[in-house]
Amino acid sequence: METAKKRFSLIDGSRKYKITKDLFSLKQNGSTVTEYFTALSALWEKIESMHILPTISNVTEEMTKFLKAIESMREESKLFQFLNRLDDCYAPQRSQILMFSALPSVERACSVIQQEENQRDVLSIGQEKEISSMFSKGASGQAKKGFMCNACGGRGHC
């Protein structure tokens, strides 16, 4: 029985090491915020499922405070892991989140970053339509073919 326990604990050690390595190497790298957060959450869940904690039969007030402090530290660690590996384009939002007097949960921070991502998507679609219409029509709204550019004197691009 003890031999089997030792053997499986080694496997768990290797597995924990690999999952932790995957967690430390995971970055957003251009994926959506949702994809990135989902991948992080999956790794966090795998690691947590491998931790076996003893059962506490007599929970004191002091023990409750201690457990809340540990949970707070874990949540803060997750928040920092999430923020540290976001793409650099989210640096202003990362700074804003870190300046809050009370740090938000990692889920709340993810929501803020997702809102920014959605806003950027909406703005880029609007800009693409605007640029596309500028190329297809002249200032008067007609096709650009015979119009002369006021800036350079060329034809067909204004």
N, C-alpha and C. Protein backbone atom coordinates (compact mmCIF):
# COMPACT_ATOMS: atom_id res chain seq x y z
N MET A 1 0.83 -1.19 0.00
CA MET A 1 0.00 0.00 0.00
C MET A 1 0.87 1.26 0.00
N GLU A 2 1.87 1.29 0.86
CA GLU A 2 2.76 2.45 0.96
C GLU A 2 3.54 2.65 -0.33
N THR A 3 3.95 1.56 -1.00
CA THR A 3 4.70 1.64 -2.25
C THR A 3 3.85 2.28 -3.35
N ALA A 4 2.60 1.87 -3.42
CA ALA A 4 1.69 2.45 -4.42
C ALA A 4 1.49 3.94 -4.16
N LYS A 5 1.37 4.30 -2.90
CA LYS A 5 1.20 5.71 -2.52
C LYS A 5 2.40 6.53 -2.98
N LYS A 6 3.60 6.00 -2.75
CA LYS A 6 4.81 6.71 -3.17
C LYS A 6 4.88 6.84 -4.68
N ARG A 7 4.54 5.73 -5.37
CA ARG A 7 4.60 5.76 -6.83
C ARG A 7 3.65 6.80 -7.40
N PHE A 8 2.41 6.84 -6.92
CA PHE A 8 1.44 7.79 -7.44
C PHE A 8 1.77 9.22 -7.02
N SER A 9 2.41 9.40 -5.87
CA SER A 9 2.79 10.75 -5.47
C SER A 9 3.86 11.30 -6.39
N LEU A 10 4.73 10.44 -6.93
CA LEU A 10 5.73 10.88 -7.90
C LEU A 10 5.07 11.30 -9.20
N ILE A 11 4.08 10.51 -9.62
CA ILE A 11 3.34 10.86 -10.84
C ILE A 11 2.64 12.20 -10.63
N ASP A 12 2.01 12.38 -9.46
CA ASP A 12 1.35 13.64 -9.16
C ASP A 12 2.36 14.79 -9.16
N GLY A 13 3.56 14.54 -8.64
CA GLY A 13 4.60 15.57 -8.63
C GLY A 13 4.97 15.99 -10.04
N SER A 14 5.14 15.03 -10.92
CA SER A 14 5.46 15.35 -12.31
C SER A 14 4.31 16.07 -12.99
N ARG A 15 3.12 15.60 -12.70
CA ARG A 15 1.93 16.23 -13.30
C ARG A 15 1.76 17.66 -12.78
N LYS A 16 1.93 17.85 -11.48
CA LYS A 16 1.84 19.20 -10.90
C LYS A 16 2.90 20.11 -11.51
N TYR A 17 4.10 19.56 -11.68
CA TYR A 17 5.18 20.34 -12.27
C TYR A 17 4.81 20.78 -13.68
N LYS A 18 4.29 19.85 -14.50
CA LYS A 18 3.94 20.18 -15.88
C LYS A 18 2.82 21.22 -15.93
N ILE A 19 1.81 21.04 -15.11
CA ILE A 19 0.69 22.00 -15.10
C ILE A 19 1.18 23.37 -14.64
N THR A 20 2.02 23.39 -13.62
CA THR A 20 2.57 24.67 -13.14
C THR A 20 3.44 25.32 -14.21
N LYS A 21 4.22 24.51 -14.91
CA LYS A 21 5.05 25.03 -16.00
C LYS A 21 4.16 25.61 -17.10
N ASP A 22 3.10 24.90 -17.44
CA ASP A 22 2.15 25.40 -18.44
C ASP A 22 1.53 26.72 -17.99
N LEU A 23 1.21 26.80 -16.70
CA LEU A 23 0.62 28.02 -16.15
C LEU A 23 1.59 29.19 -16.26
N PHE A 24 2.84 28.97 -15.89
CA PHE A 24 3.83 30.04 -15.93
C PHE A 24 4.18 30.47 -17.35
N SER A 25 4.04 29.58 -18.32
CA SER A 25 4.40 29.94 -19.70
C SER A 25 3.20 30.47 -20.49
N LEU A 26 2.00 30.35 -19.96
CA LEU A 26 0.81 30.79 -20.68
C LEU A 26 0.77 32.32 -20.77
N LYS A 27 0.57 32.81 -21.98
CA LYS A 27 0.40 34.25 -22.22
C LYS A 27 -0.77 34.43 -23.17
N GLN A 28 -1.30 35.64 -23.22
CA GLN A 28 -2.43 35.90 -24.10
C GLN A 28 -2.03 35.71 -25.57
N ASN A 29 -0.91 36.28 -25.97
CA ASN A 29 -0.37 36.13 -27.33
C ASN A 29 -1.41 36.30 -28.44
N GLY A 30 -2.20 37.35 -28.36
CA GLY A 30 -3.13 37.67 -29.43
C GLY A 30 -4.46 36.93 -29.37
N SER A 31 -4.61 35.98 -28.47
CA SER A 31 -5.91 35.30 -28.36
C SER A 31 -6.90 36.27 -27.70
N THR A 32 -8.17 35.93 -27.76
CA THR A 32 -9.16 36.80 -27.12
C THR A 32 -8.99 36.71 -25.61
N VAL A 33 -9.50 37.68 -24.91
CA VAL A 33 -9.42 37.68 -23.45
C VAL A 33 -10.16 36.47 -22.89
N THR A 34 -11.29 36.12 -23.50
CA THR A 34 -12.06 34.97 -23.05
C THR A 34 -11.27 33.68 -23.21
N GLU A 35 -10.63 33.50 -24.35
CA GLU A 35 -9.82 32.29 -24.57
C GLU A 35 -8.68 32.21 -23.56
N TYR A 36 -8.02 33.33 -23.37
CA TYR A 36 -6.89 33.40 -22.44
C TYR A 36 -7.34 33.10 -21.01
N PHE A 37 -8.41 33.74 -20.56
CA PHE A 37 -8.89 33.53 -19.20
C PHE A 37 -9.38 32.10 -19.00
N THR A 38 -10.02 31.53 -20.00
CA THR A 38 -10.50 30.15 -19.92
C THR A 38 -9.33 29.18 -19.76
N ALA A 39 -8.26 29.40 -20.53
CA ALA A 39 -7.08 28.54 -20.43
C ALA A 39 -6.44 28.67 -19.04
N LEU A 40 -6.34 29.90 -18.53
CA LEU A 40 -5.79 30.11 -17.18
C LEU A 40 -6.65 29.41 -16.13
N SER A 41 -7.95 29.59 -16.22
CA SER A 41 -8.86 29.00 -15.24
C SER A 41 -8.76 27.48 -15.24
N ALA A 42 -8.64 26.88 -16.41
CA ALA A 42 -8.52 25.42 -16.50
C ALA A 42 -7.26 24.95 -15.77
N LEU A 43 -6.16 25.67 -15.96
CA LEU A 43 -4.91 25.30 -15.28
C LEU A 43 -5.03 25.48 -13.77
N TRP A 44 -5.64 26.59 -13.34
CA TRP A 44 -5.85 26.82 -11.91
C TRP A 44 -6.67 25.68 -11.30
N GLU A 45 -7.73 25.28 -12.00
CA GLU A 45 -8.59 24.20 -11.48
C GLU A 45 -7.83 22.88 -11.39
N LYS A 46 -7.01 22.58 -12.39
CA LYS A 46 -6.23 21.34 -12.37
C LYS A 46 -5.28 21.33 -11.17
N ILE A 47 -4.61 22.44 -10.95
CA ILE A 47 -3.67 22.52 -9.83
C ILE A 47 -4.41 22.38 -8.50
N GLU A 48 -5.51 23.10 -8.36
CA GLU A 48 -6.27 23.04 -7.11
C GLU A 48 -6.83 21.66 -6.85
N SER A 49 -7.21 20.93 -7.90
CA SER A 49 -7.77 19.59 -7.71
C SER A 49 -6.72 18.60 -7.22
N MET A 50 -5.46 18.94 -7.41
CA MET A 50 -4.39 18.05 -6.98
C MET A 50 -3.95 18.30 -5.54
N HIS A 51 -4.40 19.39 -4.96
CA HIS A 51 -4.06 19.70 -3.57
C HIS A 51 -5.07 19.02 -2.65
N ILE A 52 -4.57 18.18 -1.79
CA ILE A 52 -5.43 17.50 -0.83
C ILE A 52 -5.16 18.12 0.54
N LEU A 53 -6.19 18.77 1.05
CA LEU A 53 -6.06 19.42 2.35
C LEU A 53 -6.75 18.58 3.41
N PRO A 54 -6.25 18.62 4.63
CA PRO A 54 -6.89 17.85 5.70
C PRO A 54 -8.25 18.44 6.07
N THR A 55 -9.11 17.58 6.57
CA THR A 55 -10.42 18.01 7.03
C THR A 55 -10.26 18.61 8.42
N ILE A 56 -10.94 19.72 8.65
CA ILE A 56 -10.89 20.38 9.95
C ILE A 56 -12.23 20.13 10.65
N SER A 57 -12.17 19.52 11.81
CA SER A 57 -13.41 19.20 12.52
C SER A 57 -13.81 20.30 13.51
N ASN A 58 -12.86 21.03 14.01
CA ASN A 58 -13.16 22.08 14.98
C ASN A 58 -12.69 23.42 14.40
N VAL A 59 -13.62 24.15 13.82
CA VAL A 59 -13.28 25.42 13.17
C VAL A 59 -13.46 26.55 14.19
N THR A 60 -12.36 27.19 14.50
CA THR A 60 -12.41 28.32 15.44
C THR A 60 -12.47 29.62 14.64
N GLU A 61 -12.73 30.70 15.32
CA GLU A 61 -12.78 32.01 14.68
C GLU A 61 -11.41 32.37 14.11
N GLU A 62 -10.38 32.02 14.87
CA GLU A 62 -9.01 32.27 14.42
C GLU A 62 -8.70 31.48 13.14
N MET A 63 -9.15 30.24 13.10
CA MET A 63 -8.96 29.40 11.92
C MET A 63 -9.71 29.98 10.72
N THR A 64 -10.90 30.47 10.94
CA THR A 64 -11.70 31.08 9.87
C THR A 64 -10.99 32.30 9.29
N LYS A 65 -10.45 33.15 10.16
CA LYS A 65 -9.70 34.32 9.69
C LYS A 65 -8.48 33.90 8.89
N PHE A 66 -7.79 32.89 9.38
CA PHE A 66 -6.61 32.38 8.69
C PHE A 66 -6.97 31.85 7.30
N LEU A 67 -8.04 31.08 7.20
CA LEU A 67 -8.46 30.53 5.90
C LEU A 67 -8.89 31.64 4.94
N LYS A 68 -9.56 32.66 5.46
CA LYS A 68 -9.95 33.80 4.61
C LYS A 68 -8.72 34.53 4.09
N ALA A 69 -7.70 34.68 4.93
CA ALA A 69 -6.46 35.35 4.51
C ALA A 69 -5.76 34.53 3.43
N ILE A 70 -5.72 33.22 3.59
CA ILE A 70 -5.11 32.34 2.58
C ILE A 70 -5.87 32.46 1.26
N GLU A 71 -7.20 32.44 1.33
CA GLU A 71 -8.02 32.55 0.12
C GLU A 71 -7.80 33.90 -0.56
N SER A 72 -7.69 34.94 0.21
CA SER A 72 -7.43 36.27 -0.33
C SER A 72 -6.08 36.32 -1.06
N MET A 73 -5.09 35.69 -0.47
CA MET A 73 -3.76 35.64 -1.10
C MET A 73 -3.81 34.84 -2.41
N ARG A 74 -4.55 33.75 -2.43
CA ARG A 74 -4.68 32.94 -3.65
C ARG A 74 -5.36 33.75 -4.76
N GLU A 75 -6.43 34.46 -4.40
CA GLU A 75 -7.16 35.26 -5.39
C GLU A 75 -6.28 36.39 -5.93
N GLU A 76 -5.51 37.02 -5.06
CA GLU A 76 -4.61 38.08 -5.47
C GLU A 76 -3.54 37.52 -6.42
N SER A 77 -3.04 36.36 -6.11
CA SER A 77 -2.05 35.71 -6.97
C SER A 77 -2.62 35.43 -8.36
N LYS A 78 -3.86 34.95 -8.41
CA LYS A 78 -4.52 34.71 -9.70
C LYS A 78 -4.68 36.01 -10.49
N LEU A 79 -5.07 37.07 -9.79
CA LEU A 79 -5.23 38.36 -10.44
C LEU A 79 -3.91 38.81 -11.08
N PHE A 80 -2.83 38.70 -10.32
CA PHE A 80 -1.52 39.12 -10.83
C PHE A 80 -1.06 38.24 -11.99
N GLN A 81 -1.32 36.94 -11.91
CA GLN A 81 -0.97 36.05 -13.02
C GLN A 81 -1.73 36.45 -14.28
N PHE A 82 -3.02 36.72 -14.14
CA PHE A 82 -3.85 37.14 -15.27
C PHE A 82 -3.34 38.45 -15.88
N LEU A 83 -3.10 39.44 -15.04
CA LEU A 83 -2.68 40.75 -15.53
C LEU A 83 -1.27 40.73 -16.13
N ASN A 84 -0.37 39.97 -15.51
CA ASN A 84 1.02 39.93 -15.98
C ASN A 84 1.17 39.39 -17.39
N ARG A 85 0.30 38.51 -17.79
CA ARG A 85 0.47 37.84 -19.08
C ARG A 85 -0.49 38.34 -20.15
N LEU A 86 -1.19 39.43 -19.86
CA LEU A 86 -2.03 40.06 -20.89
C LEU A 86 -1.13 40.69 -21.94
N ASP A 87 -1.65 40.80 -23.15
CA ASP A 87 -0.91 41.50 -24.19
C ASP A 87 -0.65 42.94 -23.77
N ASP A 88 0.44 43.51 -24.27
CA ASP A 88 0.85 44.88 -23.89
C ASP A 88 -0.17 45.94 -24.26
N CYS A 89 -1.04 45.66 -25.22
CA CYS A 89 -2.04 46.67 -25.61
C CYS A 89 -3.02 46.97 -24.47
N TYR A 90 -3.04 46.11 -23.45
CA TYR A 90 -3.91 46.33 -22.29
C TYR A 90 -3.17 46.94 -21.10
N ALA A 91 -1.98 47.47 -21.33
CA ALA A 91 -1.19 48.05 -20.24
C ALA A 91 -1.93 49.19 -19.51
N PRO A 92 -2.63 50.09 -20.21
CA PRO A 92 -3.35 51.15 -19.49
C PRO A 92 -4.44 50.60 -18.56
N GLN A 93 -5.16 49.58 -19.03
CA GLN A 93 -6.21 48.99 -18.20
C GLN A 93 -5.60 48.24 -17.02
N ARG A 94 -4.48 47.57 -17.26
CA ARG A 94 -3.78 46.87 -16.18
C ARG A 94 -3.38 47.87 -15.10
N SER A 95 -2.82 49.00 -15.50
CA SER A 95 -2.41 50.03 -14.53
C SER A 95 -3.60 50.55 -13.75
N GLN A 96 -4.71 50.78 -14.46
CA GLN A 96 -5.92 51.26 -13.79
C GLN A 96 -6.39 50.28 -12.73
N ILE A 97 -6.44 49.01 -13.09
CA ILE A 97 -6.90 47.98 -12.15
C ILE A 97 -6.01 47.93 -10.93
N LEU A 98 -4.70 48.02 -11.13
CA LEU A 98 -3.76 47.94 -10.01
C LEU A 98 -3.80 49.17 -9.11
N MET A 99 -4.37 50.26 -9.59
CA MET A 99 -4.46 51.47 -8.78
C MET A 99 -5.70 51.50 -7.89
N PHE A 100 -6.63 50.55 -8.08
CA PHE A 100 -7.81 50.50 -7.22
C PHE A 100 -7.37 50.34 -5.78
N SER A 101 -8.04 51.03 -4.86
CA SER A 101 -7.67 50.92 -3.45
C SER A 101 -7.91 49.50 -2.93
N ALA A 102 -8.96 48.87 -3.40
CA ALA A 102 -9.20 47.45 -3.10
C ALA A 102 -9.12 46.71 -4.43
N LEU A 103 -8.19 45.79 -4.53
CA LEU A 103 -8.02 45.06 -5.78
C LEU A 103 -9.27 44.24 -6.08
N PRO A 104 -9.69 44.22 -7.35
CA PRO A 104 -10.88 43.44 -7.71
C PRO A 104 -10.54 41.95 -7.80
N SER A 105 -11.57 41.15 -7.90
CA SER A 105 -11.35 39.72 -8.13
C SER A 105 -10.81 39.55 -9.55
N VAL A 106 -10.21 38.42 -9.82
CA VAL A 106 -9.69 38.16 -11.15
C VAL A 106 -10.84 38.13 -12.16
N GLU A 107 -12.01 37.66 -11.75
CA GLU A 107 -13.17 37.64 -12.64
C GLU A 107 -13.61 39.06 -13.00
N ARG A 108 -13.59 39.95 -12.02
CA ARG A 108 -13.98 41.36 -12.28
C ARG A 108 -12.95 42.02 -13.19
N ALA A 109 -11.68 41.78 -12.95
CA ALA A 109 -10.63 42.35 -13.80
C ALA A 109 -10.77 41.83 -15.23
N CYS A 110 -11.06 40.55 -15.36
CA CYS A 110 -11.26 39.96 -16.69
C CYS A 110 -12.43 40.66 -17.39
N SER A 111 -13.49 40.91 -16.66
CA SER A 111 -14.66 41.58 -17.22
C SER A 111 -14.31 42.98 -17.73
N VAL A 112 -13.51 43.71 -16.97
CA VAL A 112 -13.07 45.05 -17.38
C VAL A 112 -12.26 44.98 -18.67
N ILE A 113 -11.34 44.02 -18.74
CA ILE A 113 -10.51 43.87 -19.93
C ILE A 113 -11.35 43.42 -21.12
N GLN A 114 -12.33 42.55 -20.90
CA GLN A 114 -13.22 42.11 -21.97
C GLN A 114 -14.04 43.29 -22.52
N GLN A 115 -14.49 44.17 -21.63
CA GLN A 115 -15.22 45.36 -22.08
C GLN A 115 -14.34 46.22 -22.99
N GLU A 116 -13.09 46.37 -22.61
CA GLU A 116 -12.14 47.14 -23.43
C GLU A 116 -11.94 46.46 -24.77
N GLU A 117 -11.78 45.14 -24.76
CA GLU A 117 -11.61 44.38 -25.99
C GLU A 117 -12.82 44.56 -26.91
N ASN A 118 -14.02 44.47 -26.34
CA ASN A 118 -15.25 44.65 -27.13
C ASN A 118 -15.34 46.06 -27.70
N GLN A 119 -14.97 47.05 -26.90
CA GLN A 119 -14.99 48.44 -27.35
C GLN A 119 -14.02 48.62 -28.53
N ARG A 120 -12.85 48.02 -28.43
CA ARG A 120 -11.88 48.12 -29.53
C ARG A 120 -12.41 47.46 -30.79
N ASP A 121 -13.08 46.32 -30.63
CA ASP A 121 -13.66 45.64 -31.79
C ASP A 121 -14.70 46.51 -32.47
N VAL A 122 -15.57 47.13 -31.67
CA VAL A 122 -16.61 48.00 -32.22
C VAL A 122 -15.98 49.19 -32.94
N LEU A 123 -14.99 49.81 -32.32
CA LEU A 123 -14.34 50.97 -32.94
C LEU A 123 -13.59 50.59 -34.22
N SER A 124 -12.95 49.45 -34.23
CA SER A 124 -12.20 49.05 -35.43
C SER A 124 -13.14 48.72 -36.57
N ILE A 125 -14.30 48.15 -36.28
CA ILE A 125 -15.29 47.87 -37.34
C ILE A 125 -15.79 49.19 -37.91
N GLY A 126 -16.07 50.16 -37.04
CA GLY A 126 -16.52 51.48 -37.51
C GLY A 126 -15.47 52.17 -38.36
N GLN A 127 -14.20 52.07 -37.96
CA GLN A 127 -13.12 52.69 -38.72
C GLN A 127 -12.95 52.01 -40.07
N GLU A 128 -13.07 50.68 -40.10
CA GLU A 128 -12.94 49.96 -41.36
C GLU A 128 -14.02 50.39 -42.35
N LYS A 129 -15.26 50.55 -41.86
CA LYS A 129 -16.36 50.99 -42.73
C LYS A 129 -16.09 52.40 -43.24
N GLU A 130 -15.59 53.27 -42.35
CA GLU A 130 -15.31 54.66 -42.73
C GLU A 130 -14.21 54.71 -43.79
N ILE A 131 -13.15 53.97 -43.59
CA ILE A 131 -12.04 53.94 -44.55
C ILE A 131 -12.51 53.37 -45.87
N SER A 132 -13.30 52.31 -45.81
CA SER A 132 -13.82 51.67 -47.02
C SER A 132 -14.68 52.64 -47.81
N SER A 133 -15.52 53.41 -47.14
CA SER A 133 -16.37 54.36 -47.85
C SER A 133 -15.55 55.52 -48.40
N MET A 134 -14.45 55.90 -47.73
CA MET A 134 -13.59 56.96 -48.25
C MET A 134 -12.93 56.52 -49.55
N PHE A 135 -12.55 55.27 -49.64
CA PHE A 135 -11.91 54.78 -50.85
C PHE A 135 -12.89 54.58 -51.99
N SER A 136 -14.15 54.32 -51.70
CA SER A 136 -15.10 54.04 -52.76
C SER A 136 -15.85 55.26 -53.24
N LYS A 137 -15.85 56.35 -52.47
CA LYS A 137 -16.60 57.55 -52.86
C LYS A 137 -15.76 58.80 -52.67
N GLY A 138 -16.02 59.79 -53.45
CA GLY A 138 -15.36 61.07 -53.31
C GLY A 138 -16.05 61.92 -52.28
N ALA A 139 -15.65 63.18 -52.14
CA ALA A 139 -16.21 64.09 -51.14
C ALA A 139 -17.69 64.33 -51.36
N SER A 140 -18.17 64.30 -52.62
CA SER A 140 -19.57 64.57 -52.88
C SER A 140 -20.42 63.32 -52.76
N GLY A 141 -19.81 62.17 -52.47
CA GLY A 141 -20.56 60.94 -52.31
C GLY A 141 -20.65 60.15 -53.60
N GLN A 142 -20.04 60.63 -54.68
CA GLN A 142 -20.06 59.92 -55.95
C GLN A 142 -18.80 59.09 -56.09
N ALA A 143 -18.77 58.24 -57.09
CA ALA A 143 -17.60 57.41 -57.33
C ALA A 143 -16.39 58.31 -57.55
N LYS A 144 -15.21 57.85 -57.12
CA LYS A 144 -14.03 58.69 -57.09
C LYS A 144 -13.35 58.82 -58.44
N LYS A 145 -13.68 58.06 -59.42
CA LYS A 145 -12.94 58.03 -60.68
C LYS A 145 -12.70 59.39 -61.25
N GLY A 146 -12.83 60.21 -61.68
CA GLY A 146 -12.48 61.48 -62.31
C GLY A 146 -12.21 62.61 -61.36
N PHE A 147 -12.26 62.39 -60.05
CA PHE A 147 -12.00 63.47 -59.12
C PHE A 147 -10.51 63.69 -58.92
N MET A 148 -10.18 64.97 -58.78
CA MET A 148 -8.78 65.34 -58.59
C MET A 148 -8.55 65.65 -57.12
N CYS A 149 -7.43 65.18 -56.59
CA CYS A 149 -7.07 65.40 -55.19
C CYS A 149 -6.69 66.86 -55.00
N ASN A 150 -7.25 67.50 -54.00
CA ASN A 150 -6.93 68.87 -53.69
C ASN A 150 -5.53 69.02 -53.11
N ALA A 151 -5.03 67.98 -52.45
CA ALA A 151 -3.72 68.06 -51.81
C ALA A 151 -2.57 67.86 -52.78
N CYS A 152 -2.67 66.84 -53.66
CA CYS A 152 -1.53 66.53 -54.52
C CYS A 152 -1.82 66.68 -56.01
N GLY A 153 -3.07 66.86 -56.37
CA GLY A 153 -3.41 67.01 -57.77
C GLY A 153 -3.61 65.69 -58.50
N GLY A 154 -3.37 64.58 -57.83
CA GLY A 154 -3.55 63.26 -58.45
C GLY A 154 -5.02 62.93 -58.59
N ARG A 155 -5.30 61.85 -59.32
CA ARG A 155 -6.69 61.43 -59.53
C ARG A 155 -6.98 60.07 -58.90
N GLY A 156 -8.22 59.90 -58.47
CA GLY A 156 -8.73 58.60 -58.06
C GLY A 156 -8.48 58.17 -56.63
N HIS A 157 -7.91 59.02 -55.79
CA HIS A 157 -7.71 58.59 -54.40
C HIS A 157 -8.33 59.54 -53.39
N CYS A 158 -9.06 60.52 -53.81
CA CYS A 158 -9.70 61.44 -52.87
C CYS A 158 -11.21 61.36 -52.98
